[in-house]
Amino acid sequence: MIEQKNIQEPEKVSCEVCFKEIPVSEATSVKATDYIVYYCGLECYDRWRKQQVETPDSEKKS
């Protein structure tokens, strides 16, 4: 008789930019002191970085 193992889905997180569900093991993470941000790939990470750079400038103009 063959024993069946329980197959479990990997833990998933959402990409910070596109909100695509990705396994934690596949996610690129950026760690800060209070949080971890996940990205599905370098393209989304670059988009997030550009948004972070633009935000402080737009706050100064207000």
Protein backbone atom coordinates (compact mmCIF):
# COMPACT_ATOMS: atom_id res chain seq x y z
CA MET A 1 0.00 0.00 0.00
CA ILE A 2 1.28 3.50 -0.88
CA GLU A 3 1.13 6.12 1.81
CA GLN A 4 -0.22 9.50 0.69
CA LYS A 5 1.32 12.64 2.11
CA ASN A 6 -0.64 15.78 2.76
CA ILE A 7 0.38 18.33 0.17
CA GLN A 8 0.13 21.81 1.55
CA GLU A 9 0.04 25.02 -0.43
CA PRO A 10 3.06 27.24 0.21
CA GLU A 11 2.52 30.39 2.27
CA LYS A 12 1.79 33.29 -0.07
CA VAL A 13 2.16 37.06 0.17
CA SER A 14 1.08 39.93 -2.05
CA CYS A 15 3.51 41.93 -4.13
CA GLU A 16 3.65 45.48 -2.73
CA VAL A 17 3.25 47.01 -6.22
CA CYS A 18 0.98 44.79 -8.33
CA PHE A 19 -0.62 42.76 -5.49
CA LYS A 20 0.05 39.48 -7.33
CA GLU A 21 0.00 36.50 -4.93
CA ILE A 22 3.43 34.88 -4.77
CA PRO A 23 4.96 32.17 -2.57
CA VAL A 24 7.13 33.55 0.23
CA SER A 25 10.02 31.41 -1.03
CA GLU A 26 9.86 33.13 -4.45
CA ALA A 27 9.42 36.68 -3.12
CA THR A 28 12.15 39.27 -3.05
CA SER A 29 11.98 41.02 0.30
CA VAL A 30 13.23 44.34 1.58
CA LYS A 31 13.56 44.38 5.33
CA ALA A 32 13.20 47.50 7.43
CA THR A 33 13.04 47.93 11.16
CA ASP A 34 9.26 47.57 11.45
CA TYR A 35 8.09 45.73 8.34
CA ILE A 36 8.96 43.49 5.41
CA VAL A 37 7.89 44.40 1.88
CA TYR A 38 7.66 41.73 -0.83
CA TYR A 39 8.00 42.02 -4.61
CA CYS A 40 7.29 39.48 -7.35
CA GLY A 41 10.35 40.62 -9.29
CA LEU A 42 12.87 43.34 -9.97
CA GLU A 43 10.49 45.29 -12.22
CA CYS A 44 7.99 45.79 -9.38
CA TYR A 45 10.79 46.57 -6.94
CA ASP A 46 12.13 49.29 -9.28
CA ARG A 47 8.63 50.78 -9.65
CA TRP A 48 8.26 50.84 -5.85
CA ARG A 49 11.66 52.54 -5.39
CA LYS A 50 10.77 55.23 -7.95
CA GLN A 51 7.48 55.89 -6.13
CA GLN A 52 9.34 56.23 -2.82
CA VAL A 53 11.80 58.73 -4.32
CA GLU A 54 9.01 60.82 -5.89
CA THR A 55 6.87 60.98 -2.71
CA PRO A 56 9.16 63.24 -0.56
CA ASP A 57 9.54 65.77 -3.41
CA SER A 58 5.80 66.09 -3.95
CA GLU A 59 5.25 66.61 -0.19
CA LYS A 60 7.71 69.54 -0.15
CA LYS A 61 5.85 71.32 -2.97
CA SER A 62 2.52 71.25 -1.09
